[in-house]
Each structure stands twice: as structure tokens, then as C-alpha cells.
Amino acid sequence: MAKSKKPSNQLASNKKAFHDYFIEESYEAGLELFGTEVKSIRAGKVQLKESYAQIRNGEVFMVGMHISPYEQGNIFNKDPMRDKKLLLHKYEIEKLMEYTSQQGYTLVPLSLYLVRGRVKLKLGVAKGKHNYDKRQSLKEKSAKRDIQKQMKDAWR
């Protein structure tokens, strides 16, 4: 039986983040959303690729996360590119402020998933990769894939 790469409660993931950044730490955050946005996210109409988190006045906001308008939402639909407030504890926000004050660190979304019917966001503290780091990561990934393939063939 083949393993599914995407858990049943995962709604969206940001694979590009793992390619472009070294992920130092991750935090789980709630999102302040409207009903039509939740329905649209559950339908899989969300894009995390070019988004990032920003700290303003002691609050964390997700910038650039695109949630497509819900088709049956009519007047209740919100702007798809509006900044969404993240719900975190005060001590977590202070820790994130320390990280982002350092040179080269940023906050990127890693995945969106459901926990007991609520939409949660996995937020990563990330440090940017250089091109040579990306090439090295691709080489390592390719080598692991080759080893797995050879081991699978050896067991047949």
C-alpha cells in the first residue's frame, strides 16, 4: 500500500519555502478569517507561494496569501489579497520579533491544515539560501532518491 504524501487534514503546502530557505523553527498559528474564506480554503483555492508574515504593532499579519473568492459568496466575499491576522501567544510574537530583527531572517508559511475544524497555519522562521546552497540541496535529494531506488530494486 502506497503512502499518501499529503495528510487528509492538510489543505495547502508551500514546497517552494523548503527550496528557497533554511527553516530554523516552526510555529502553529490560527488565522482570523471570514466564513467565505474558510469555505474557499477548504475547497483548496489558496496560494501560499509568494506570501510571508510581517510583524506590525505587536501583531503578526500574513501578507500576499491569495484566497480565491468563494463562488457562492456574493457580497460576503473579501479581497483575496487582504492581509490576514495570525493568532499567536504574546511570548511567541516576542520570540518571532527577536528572530526577524536579525539580518537575513524572515517568516514564511509552510502549510495550511485543519485541527478540530479550525484552519491552522504552520509558520516557519527561515533564513534565505544562496544559489550554491540550493544546488547542494538538490544534489542531496537526488542522491537519496537514487539510494532508495537501488535499495528497492535490491529487495526484489
Protein backbone atom coordinates (compact mmCIF):
# COMPACT_ATOMS: atom_id res chain seq x y z
CA MET A 1 0.00 0.00 0.00
CA ALA A 2 1.48 3.38 -1.03
CA LYS A 3 1.80 6.18 1.49
CA SER A 4 -0.01 9.41 0.77
CA LYS A 5 2.31 12.42 0.81
CA LYS A 6 -0.48 14.82 1.75
CA PRO A 7 -2.28 14.15 5.05
CA SER A 8 -6.06 14.26 4.88
CA ASN A 9 -6.24 17.37 7.07
CA GLN A 10 -3.64 19.35 5.06
CA LEU A 11 -5.23 21.96 2.80
CA ALA A 12 -2.19 23.57 1.16
CA SER A 13 1.59 23.47 1.38
CA ASN A 14 4.46 25.73 0.36
CA LYS A 15 7.10 23.44 -1.16
CA LYS A 16 8.98 26.44 -2.55
CA ALA A 17 9.78 27.58 1.00
CA PHE A 18 11.91 24.49 1.65
CA HIS A 19 13.75 25.12 -1.62
CA ASP A 20 14.42 28.81 -1.03
CA TYR A 21 15.04 28.86 2.73
CA PHE A 22 16.62 27.01 5.64
CA ILE A 23 13.78 26.51 8.13
CA GLU A 24 15.11 27.18 11.65
CA GLU A 25 11.90 26.81 13.70
CA SER A 26 8.19 26.46 13.08
CA TYR A 27 5.11 27.67 14.93
CA GLU A 28 1.43 26.83 14.69
CA ALA A 29 -0.80 29.86 14.32
CA GLY A 30 -4.51 30.38 13.94
CA LEU A 31 -5.89 32.67 11.24
CA GLU A 32 -8.50 35.38 11.58
CA LEU A 33 -10.74 34.53 8.61
CA PHE A 34 -14.28 35.15 7.39
CA GLY A 35 -16.70 32.33 6.60
CA THR A 36 -16.41 32.56 2.83
CA GLU A 37 -12.60 32.48 3.11
CA VAL A 38 -12.74 29.29 5.18
CA LYS A 39 -15.03 27.65 2.61
CA SER A 40 -12.70 28.67 -0.19
CA ILE A 41 -9.64 27.32 1.70
CA ARG A 42 -11.44 24.01 2.33
CA ALA A 43 -12.06 23.82 -1.42
CA GLY A 44 -8.30 24.17 -1.96
CA LYS A 45 -8.41 27.63 -3.53
CA VAL A 46 -5.49 29.14 -1.64
CA GLN A 47 -1.96 30.08 -2.74
CA LEU A 48 0.92 30.31 -0.24
CA LYS A 49 3.80 30.54 -2.71
CA GLU A 50 4.70 34.26 -2.63
CA SER A 51 3.43 35.07 0.87
CA TYR A 52 5.27 36.00 4.06
CA ALA A 53 4.44 37.14 7.58
CA GLN A 54 5.07 40.63 8.90
CA ILE A 55 5.01 41.96 12.47
CA ARG A 56 3.22 45.30 12.92
CA ASN A 57 2.39 46.93 16.28
CA GLY A 58 2.88 43.70 18.19
CA GLU A 59 0.61 41.70 15.85
CA VAL A 60 1.55 39.25 13.10
CA PHE A 61 -0.05 39.52 9.64
CA MET A 62 0.16 37.21 6.64
CA VAL A 63 0.90 39.28 3.53
CA GLY A 64 0.43 38.06 -0.03
CA MET A 65 -1.59 34.92 0.74
CA HIS A 66 -4.18 34.63 -2.03
CA ILE A 67 -7.56 33.13 -1.12
CA SER A 68 -9.82 32.97 -4.18
CA PRO A 69 -13.33 34.37 -3.70
CA TYR A 70 -15.93 31.75 -2.79
CA GLU A 71 -18.23 31.14 -5.77
CA GLN A 72 -21.47 31.25 -3.76
CA GLY A 73 -20.21 34.05 -1.51
CA ASN A 74 -21.63 37.03 -3.46
CA ILE A 75 -21.47 40.19 -1.28
CA PHE A 76 -19.77 38.42 1.63
CA ASN A 77 -16.52 37.79 -0.27
CA LYS A 78 -13.49 39.73 0.91
CA ASP A 79 -10.47 41.00 -1.02
CA PRO A 80 -8.43 37.88 -1.98
CA MET A 81 -5.10 39.59 -1.21
CA ARG A 82 -6.03 41.30 2.08
CA ASP A 83 -3.62 40.90 5.00
CA LYS A 84 -4.76 38.15 7.35
CA LYS A 85 -4.08 38.43 11.08
CA LEU A 86 -2.31 35.47 12.67
CA LEU A 87 -3.32 34.38 16.16
CA LEU A 88 -0.27 33.68 18.33
CA HIS A 89 0.59 33.98 22.01
CA LYS A 90 2.39 37.14 23.11
CA TYR A 91 5.59 35.26 24.04
CA GLU A 92 5.63 33.64 20.58
CA ILE A 93 5.29 37.03 18.90
CA GLU A 94 8.15 38.41 21.02
CA LYS A 95 10.34 35.46 20.04
CA LEU A 96 9.47 35.99 16.35
CA MET A 97 10.33 39.69 16.70
CA GLU A 98 13.78 38.71 18.01
CA TYR A 99 14.35 36.43 15.02
CA THR A 100 13.19 38.91 12.39
CA SER A 101 15.30 41.71 13.88
CA GLN A 102 18.38 39.65 12.95
CA GLN A 103 19.80 40.04 9.45
CA GLY A 104 18.54 37.51 6.90
CA TYR A 105 15.59 36.01 8.81
CA THR A 106 12.01 36.09 7.60
CA LEU A 107 8.70 34.41 8.41
CA VAL A 108 7.23 32.17 5.70
CA PRO A 109 4.11 29.99 5.68
CA LEU A 110 4.86 26.27 5.35
CA SER A 111 1.39 24.72 5.25
CA LEU A 112 -2.30 25.19 5.96
CA TYR A 113 -4.20 22.41 7.69
CA LEU A 114 -7.24 21.64 9.82
CA VAL A 115 -7.17 20.96 13.55
CA ARG A 116 -10.58 20.08 15.02
CA GLY A 117 -12.35 22.01 12.26
CA ARG A 118 -10.20 25.13 12.54
CA VAL A 119 -7.76 26.35 9.90
CA LYS A 120 -4.19 26.50 11.22
CA LEU A 121 -1.02 27.78 9.58
CA LYS A 122 2.45 26.35 10.12
CA LEU A 123 4.73 29.39 10.17
CA GLY A 124 8.45 28.91 9.67
CA VAL A 125 11.33 31.11 10.78
CA ALA A 126 13.52 30.99 7.69
CA LYS A 127 16.96 32.11 6.57
CA GLY A 128 17.50 32.58 2.84
CA LYS A 129 19.57 30.13 0.82
CA HIS A 130 22.20 31.13 -1.72
CA ASN A 131 22.23 29.50 -5.17
CA TYR A 132 25.04 27.13 -4.20
CA ASP A 133 23.02 26.01 -1.16
CA LYS A 134 20.05 25.25 -3.42
CA ARG A 135 22.23 23.23 -5.80
CA GLN A 136 23.66 21.28 -2.85
CA SER A 137 20.15 20.54 -1.55
CA LEU A 138 19.09 19.27 -4.98
CA LYS A 139 22.17 17.01 -5.18
CA GLU A 140 21.45 15.54 -1.74
CA LYS A 141 17.80 14.98 -2.62
CA SER A 142 18.76 13.29 -5.89
CA ALA A 143 21.32 11.06 -4.13
CA LYS A 144 18.74 9.99 -1.53
CA ARG A 145 16.27 9.19 -4.29
CA ASP A 146 18.87 7.08 -6.14
CA ILE A 147 19.77 5.18 -2.97
CA GLN A 148 16.10 4.46 -2.23
CA LYS A 149 15.56 3.25 -5.81
CA GLN A 150 18.61 0.93 -5.66
CA MET A 151 17.53 -0.47 -2.29
CA LYS A 152 14.04 -1.10 -3.63
CA ASP A 153 15.46 -2.91 -6.68
CA ALA A 154 17.81 -4.97 -4.46
CA TRP A 155 14.88 -6.32 -2.41
CA ARG A 156 13.05 -7.61 -5.47
